[in-house]
PDB file of N, CA and C in Angstrom:
ATOM      1  N   MET A   1    -100.545 -37.158 -68.340  1.00  0.00           N
ATOM      2  CA  MET A   1    -100.358 -36.558 -67.053  1.00  0.00           C
ATOM      3  C   MET A   1    -100.777 -35.102 -67.133  1.00  0.00           C
ATOM      4  N   ASP A   2    -101.392 -34.629 -66.090  1.00  0.00           N
ATOM      5  CA  ASP A   2    -101.856 -33.246 -66.004  1.00  0.00           C
ATOM      6  C   ASP A   2    -100.663 -32.287 -66.087  1.00  0.00           C
ATOM      7  N   PRO A   3    -100.731 -31.260 -66.917  1.00  0.00           N
ATOM      8  CA  PRO A   3     -99.622 -30.316 -67.051  1.00  0.00           C
ATOM      9  C   PRO A   3     -99.218 -29.671 -65.718  1.00  0.00           C
ATOM     10  N   ALA A   4    -100.156 -29.421 -64.843  1.00  0.00           N
ATOM     11  CA  ALA A   4     -99.835 -28.831 -63.536  1.00  0.00           C
ATOM     12  C   ALA A   4     -98.973 -29.781 -62.703  1.00  0.00           C
ATOM     13  N   THR A   5     -99.254 -31.065 -62.808  1.00  0.00           N
ATOM     14  CA  THR A   5     -98.454 -32.062 -62.083  1.00  0.00           C
ATOM     15  C   THR A   5     -97.032 -32.078 -62.607  1.00  0.00           C
ATOM     16  N   ILE A   6     -96.878 -32.007 -63.916  1.00  0.00           N
ATOM     17  CA  ILE A   6     -95.546 -31.980 -64.519  1.00  0.00           C
ATOM     18  C   ILE A   6     -94.776 -30.753 -64.034  1.00  0.00           C
ATOM     19  N   THR A   7     -95.429 -29.617 -63.982  1.00  0.00           N
ATOM     20  CA  THR A   7     -94.786 -28.393 -63.494  1.00  0.00           C
ATOM     21  C   THR A   7     -94.334 -28.559 -62.054  1.00  0.00           C
ATOM     22  N   GLU A   8     -95.181 -29.149 -61.214  1.00  0.00           N
ATOM     23  CA  GLU A   8     -94.824 -29.369 -59.815  1.00  0.00           C
ATOM     24  C   GLU A   8     -93.649 -30.328 -59.686  1.00  0.00           C
ATOM     25  N   LEU A   9     -93.652 -31.403 -60.460  1.00  0.00           N
ATOM     26  CA  LEU A   9     -92.555 -32.364 -60.404  1.00  0.00           C
ATOM     27  C   LEU A   9     -91.236 -31.738 -60.846  1.00  0.00           C
ATOM     28  N   ASN A  10     -91.292 -30.888 -61.851  1.00  0.00           N
ATOM     29  CA  ASN A  10     -90.082 -30.214 -62.320  1.00  0.00           C
ATOM     30  C   ASN A  10     -89.502 -29.283 -61.270  1.00  0.00           C
ATOM     31  N   ALA A  11     -90.319 -28.813 -60.343  1.00  0.00           N
ATOM     32  CA  ALA A  11     -89.858 -27.890 -59.305  1.00  0.00           C
ATOM     33  C   ALA A  11     -89.223 -28.605 -58.111  1.00  0.00           C
ATOM     34  N   VAL A  12     -89.396 -29.920 -58.004  1.00  0.00           N
ATOM     35  CA  VAL A  12     -88.847 -30.672 -56.877  1.00  0.00           C
ATOM     36  C   VAL A  12     -87.335 -30.792 -57.035  1.00  0.00           C
ATOM     37  N   ARG A  13     -86.623 -30.425 -55.975  1.00  0.00           N
ATOM     38  CA  ARG A  13     -85.164 -30.508 -56.017  1.00  0.00           C
ATOM     39  C   ARG A  13     -84.701 -31.854 -55.467  1.00  0.00           C
ATOM     40  N   VAL A  14     -83.925 -32.576 -56.259  1.00  0.00           N
ATOM     41  CA  VAL A  14     -83.378 -33.870 -55.856  1.00  0.00           C
ATOM     42  C   VAL A  14     -81.860 -33.748 -55.848  1.00  0.00           C
ATOM     43  N   THR A  15     -81.252 -34.130 -54.718  1.00  0.00           N
ATOM     44  CA  THR A  15     -79.796 -34.121 -54.600  1.00  0.00           C
ATOM     45  C   THR A  15     -79.336 -35.546 -54.352  1.00  0.00           C
ATOM     46  N   PHE A  16     -78.566 -36.093 -55.287  1.00  0.00           N
ATOM     47  CA  PHE A  16     -78.055 -37.451 -55.142  1.00  0.00           C
ATOM     48  C   PHE A  16     -76.766 -37.423 -54.334  1.00  0.00           C
ATOM     49  N   GLU A  17     -76.639 -38.353 -53.396  1.00  0.00           N
ATOM     50  CA  GLU A  17     -75.430 -38.488 -52.591  1.00  0.00           C
ATOM     51  C   GLU A  17     -74.476 -39.415 -53.356  1.00  0.00           C
ATOM     52  N   VAL A  18     -73.637 -38.823 -54.193  1.00  0.00           N
ATOM     53  CA  VAL A  18     -72.788 -39.572 -55.113  1.00  0.00           C
ATOM     54  C   VAL A  18     -71.931 -40.609 -54.375  1.00  0.00           C
ATOM     55  N   ALA A  19     -71.502 -40.306 -53.166  1.00  0.00           N
ATOM     56  CA  ALA A  19     -70.656 -41.238 -52.408  1.00  0.00           C
ATOM     57  C   ALA A  19     -71.378 -42.541 -52.075  1.00  0.00           C
ATOM     58  N   THR A  20     -72.728 -42.546 -52.166  1.00  0.00           N
ATOM     59  CA  THR A  20     -73.492 -43.751 -51.839  1.00  0.00           C
ATOM     60  C   THR A  20     -73.833 -44.581 -53.075  1.00  0.00           C
ATOM     61  N   PHE A  21     -73.382 -44.149 -54.255  1.00  0.00           N
ATOM     62  CA  PHE A  21     -73.653 -44.889 -55.498  1.00  0.00           C
ATOM     63  C   PHE A  21     -73.058 -46.285 -55.381  1.00  0.00           C
ATOM     64  N   LYS A  22     -73.899 -47.311 -55.592  1.00  0.00           N
ATOM     65  CA  LYS A  22     -73.456 -48.696 -55.434  1.00  0.00           C
ATOM     66  C   LYS A  22     -74.006 -49.543 -56.584  1.00  0.00           C
ATOM     67  N   PRO A  23     -73.136 -50.007 -57.475  1.00  0.00           N
ATOM     68  CA  PRO A  23     -73.597 -50.910 -58.532  1.00  0.00           C
ATOM     69  C   PRO A  23     -74.172 -52.188 -57.912  1.00  0.00           C
ATOM     70  N   THR A  24     -75.280 -52.654 -58.469  1.00  0.00           N
ATOM     71  CA  THR A  24     -75.898 -53.898 -57.995  1.00  0.00           C
ATOM     72  C   THR A  24     -75.951 -54.945 -59.100  1.00  0.00           C
ATOM     73  N   GLY A  25     -75.475 -54.575 -60.269  1.00  0.00           N
ATOM     74  CA  GLY A  25     -75.439 -55.454 -61.434  1.00  0.00           C
ATOM     75  C   GLY A  25     -74.760 -54.696 -62.564  1.00  0.00           C
ATOM     76  N   ASP A  26     -74.707 -55.309 -63.743  1.00  0.00           N
ATOM     77  CA  ASP A  26     -74.069 -54.647 -64.877  1.00  0.00           C
ATOM     78  C   ASP A  26     -74.794 -53.380 -65.316  1.00  0.00           C
ATOM     79  N   THR A  27     -76.104 -53.357 -65.158  1.00  0.00           N
ATOM     80  CA  THR A  27     -76.897 -52.206 -65.621  1.00  0.00           C
ATOM     81  C   THR A  27     -77.826 -51.667 -64.540  1.00  0.00           C
ATOM     82  N   THR A  28     -77.532 -51.973 -63.270  1.00  0.00           N
ATOM     83  CA  THR A  28     -78.361 -51.479 -62.173  1.00  0.00           C
ATOM     84  C   THR A  28     -77.475 -50.955 -61.041  1.00  0.00           C
ATOM     85  N   ALA A  29     -78.029 -50.032 -60.273  1.00  0.00           N
ATOM     86  CA  ALA A  29     -77.303 -49.462 -59.147  1.00  0.00           C
ATOM     87  C   ALA A  29     -78.308 -48.835 -58.187  1.00  0.00           C
ATOM     88  N   THR A  30     -77.830 -48.530 -56.986  1.00  0.00           N
ATOM     89  CA  THR A  30     -78.632 -47.767 -56.039  1.00  0.00           C
ATOM     90  C   THR A  30     -77.825 -46.555 -55.605  1.00  0.00           C
ATOM     91  N   VAL A  31     -78.531 -45.544 -55.154  1.00  0.00           N
ATOM     92  CA  VAL A  31     -77.910 -44.329 -54.634  1.00  0.00           C
ATOM     93  C   VAL A  31     -78.914 -43.680 -53.682  1.00  0.00           C
ATOM     94  N   LYS A  32     -78.412 -43.054 -52.624  1.00  0.00           N
ATOM     95  CA  LYS A  32     -79.302 -42.324 -51.729  1.00  0.00           C
ATOM     96  C   LYS A  32     -79.496 -40.918 -52.276  1.00  0.00           C
ATOM     97  N   ALA A  33     -80.674 -40.375 -52.004  1.00  0.00           N
ATOM     98  CA  ALA A  33     -80.984 -39.037 -52.491  1.00  0.00           C
ATOM     99  C   ALA A  33     -81.798 -38.282 -51.456  1.00  0.00           C
ATOM    100  N   ASP A  34     -81.626 -36.981 -51.461  1.00  0.00           N
ATOM    101  CA  ASP A  34     -82.429 -36.084 -50.641  1.00  0.00           C
ATOM    102  C   ASP A  34     -83.433 -35.434 -51.593  1.00  0.00           C
ATOM    103  N   VAL A  35     -84.709 -35.583 -51.287  1.00  0.00           N
ATOM    104  CA  VAL A  35     -85.748 -35.052 -52.160  1.00  0.00           C
ATOM    105  C   VAL A  35     -86.451 -33.903 -51.444  1.00  0.00           C
ATOM    106  N   ALA A  36     -86.194 -32.695 -51.928  1.00  0.00           N
ATOM    107  CA  ALA A  36     -86.814 -31.491 -51.383  1.00  0.00           C
ATOM    108  C   ALA A  36     -86.674 -31.396 -49.864  1.00  0.00           C
ATOM    109  N   GLY A  37     -85.504 -31.773 -49.354  1.00  0.00           N
ATOM    110  CA  GLY A  37     -85.240 -31.644 -47.926  1.00  0.00           C
ATOM    111  C   GLY A  37     -85.860 -32.709 -47.041  1.00  0.00           C
ATOM    112  N   THR A  38     -86.405 -33.763 -47.625  1.00  0.00           N
ATOM    113  CA  THR A  38     -87.016 -34.824 -46.823  1.00  0.00           C
ATOM    114  C   THR A  38     -85.956 -35.832 -46.400  1.00  0.00           C
ATOM    115  N   ALA A  39     -86.356 -36.795 -45.604  1.00  0.00           N
ATOM    116  CA  ALA A  39     -85.455 -37.864 -45.178  1.00  0.00           C
ATOM    117  C   ALA A  39     -84.870 -38.554 -46.399  1.00  0.00           C
ATOM    118  N   PRO A  40     -83.706 -39.201 -46.242  1.00  0.00           N
ATOM    119  CA  PRO A  40     -83.075 -39.851 -47.403  1.00  0.00           C
ATOM    120  C   PRO A  40     -83.974 -40.891 -48.068  1.00  0.00           C
ATOM    121  N   TRP A  41     -83.830 -40.961 -49.376  1.00  0.00           N
ATOM    122  CA  TRP A  41     -84.535 -41.950 -50.184  1.00  0.00           C
ATOM    123  C   TRP A  41     -83.506 -42.848 -50.837  1.00  0.00           C
ATOM    124  N   LEU A  42     -83.858 -44.101 -51.041  1.00  0.00           N
ATOM    125  CA  LEU A  42     -83.027 -45.028 -51.790  1.00  0.00           C
ATOM    126  C   LEU A  42     -83.582 -45.081 -53.209  1.00  0.00           C
ATOM    127  N   VAL A  43     -82.737 -44.754 -54.166  1.00  0.00           N
ATOM    128  CA  VAL A  43     -83.145 -44.701 -55.567  1.00  0.00           C
ATOM    129  C   VAL A  43     -82.480 -45.853 -56.308  1.00  0.00           C
ATOM    130  N   THR A  44     -83.271 -46.647 -57.000  1.00  0.00           N
ATOM    131  CA  THR A  44     -82.737 -47.711 -57.842  1.00  0.00           C
ATOM    132  C   THR A  44     -82.643 -47.166 -59.258  1.00  0.00           C
ATOM    133  N   LEU A  45     -81.471 -47.337 -59.859  1.00  0.00           N
ATOM    134  CA  LEU A  45     -81.211 -46.829 -61.201  1.00  0.00           C
ATOM    135  C   LEU A  45     -81.011 -47.975 -62.180  1.00  0.00           C
ATOM    136  N   VAL A  46     -81.345 -47.724 -63.436  1.00  0.00           N
ATOM    137  CA  VAL A  46     -81.131 -48.685 -64.517  1.00  0.00           C
ATOM    138  C   VAL A  46     -80.382 -47.954 -65.629  1.00  0.00           C
ATOM    139  N   LEU A  47     -79.318 -48.574 -66.121  1.00  0.00           N
ATOM    140  CA  LEU A  47     -78.541 -47.994 -67.212  1.00  0.00           C
ATOM    141  C   LEU A  47     -79.219 -48.338 -68.535  1.00  0.00           C
ATOM    142  N   THR A  48     -79.671 -47.302 -69.239  1.00  0.00           N
ATOM    143  CA  THR A  48     -80.381 -47.478 -70.505  1.00  0.00           C
ATOM    144  C   THR A  48     -79.763 -46.552 -71.547  1.00  0.00           C
ATOM    145  N   ASP A  49     -79.290 -47.120 -72.620  1.00  0.00           N
ATOM    146  CA  ASP A  49     -78.671 -46.337 -73.697  1.00  0.00           C
ATOM    147  C   ASP A  49     -77.580 -45.406 -73.165  1.00  0.00           C
ATOM    148  N   GLY A  50     -76.791 -45.902 -72.200  1.00  0.00           N
ATOM    149  CA  GLY A  50     -75.682 -45.126 -71.659  1.00  0.00           C
ATOM    150  C   GLY A  50     -76.057 -44.069 -70.638  1.00  0.00           C
ATOM    151  N   LYS A  51     -77.319 -44.036 -70.228  1.00  0.00           N
ATOM    152  CA  LYS A  51     -77.770 -43.047 -69.244  1.00  0.00           C
ATOM    153  C   LYS A  51     -78.436 -43.749 -68.067  1.00  0.00           C
ATOM    154  N   TRP A  52     -78.147 -43.272 -66.842  1.00  0.00           N
ATOM    155  CA  TRP A  52     -78.800 -43.815 -65.661  1.00  0.00           C
ATOM    156  C   TRP A  52     -80.186 -43.209 -65.544  1.00  0.00           C
ATOM    157  N   LYS A  53     -81.192 -44.074 -65.373  1.00  0.00           N
ATOM    158  CA  LYS A  53     -82.583 -43.628 -65.245  1.00  0.00           C
ATOM    159  C   LYS A  53     -83.156 -44.187 -63.955  1.00  0.00           C
ATOM    160  N   VAL A  54     -84.019 -43.397 -63.321  1.00  0.00           N
ATOM    161  CA  VAL A  54     -84.654 -43.838 -62.073  1.00  0.00           C
ATOM    162  C   VAL A  54     -85.646 -44.942 -62.385  1.00  0.00           C
ATOM    163  N   SER A  55     -85.507 -46.031 -61.651  1.00  0.00           N
ATOM    164  CA  SER A  55     -86.418 -47.162 -61.807  1.00  0.00           C
ATOM    165  C   SER A  55     -87.438 -47.179 -60.675  1.00  0.00           C
ATOM    166  N   THR A  56     -86.953 -47.141 -59.424  1.00  0.00           N
ATOM    167  CA  THR A  56     -87.844 -47.123 -58.264  1.00  0.00           C
ATOM    168  C   THR A  56     -87.251 -46.227 -57.184  1.00  0.00           C
ATOM    169  N   THR A  57     -88.104 -45.860 -56.241  1.00  0.00           N
ATOM    170  CA  THR A  57     -87.665 -45.100 -55.073  1.00  0.00           C
ATOM    171  C   THR A  57     -88.370 -45.651 -53.843  1.00  0.00           C
ATOM    172  N   GLU A  58     -87.707 -45.536 -52.695  1.00  0.00           N
ATOM    173  CA  GLU A  58     -88.309 -45.926 -51.435  1.00  0.00           C
ATOM    174  C   GLU A  58     -87.569 -45.201 -50.319  1.00  0.00           C
ATOM    175  N   PRO A  59     -88.230 -44.979 -49.190  1.00  0.00           N
ATOM    176  CA  PRO A  59     -87.517 -44.343 -48.078  1.00  0.00           C
ATOM    177  C   PRO A  59     -86.308 -45.183 -47.694  1.00  0.00           C
ATOM    178  N   ALA A  60     -85.161 -44.526 -47.485  1.00  0.00           N
ATOM    179  CA  ALA A  60     -83.950 -45.253 -47.089  1.00  0.00           C
ATOM    180  C   ALA A  60     -84.092 -45.696 -45.642  1.00  0.00           C
ATOM    181  N   SER A  61     -83.555 -46.884 -45.372  1.00  0.00           N
ATOM    182  CA  SER A  61     -83.633 -47.385 -43.992  1.00  0.00           C
ATOM    183  C   SER A  61     -82.368 -47.039 -43.242  1.00  0.00           C
TER     184      SER A  61
END
């Protein structure tokens, strides 16, 4: 990945709406997030080695 792209991605502010965290399986969950002030996004998370990691994102409906 281009270093400039990495720098830009690191500057994006993501705020997770913790109250919307919803387990969907033993190692999966969804949560809504605000990304740099845009409309809400639905983030799918996967639990890997004890840490939640972003798997997919899509605009929240």
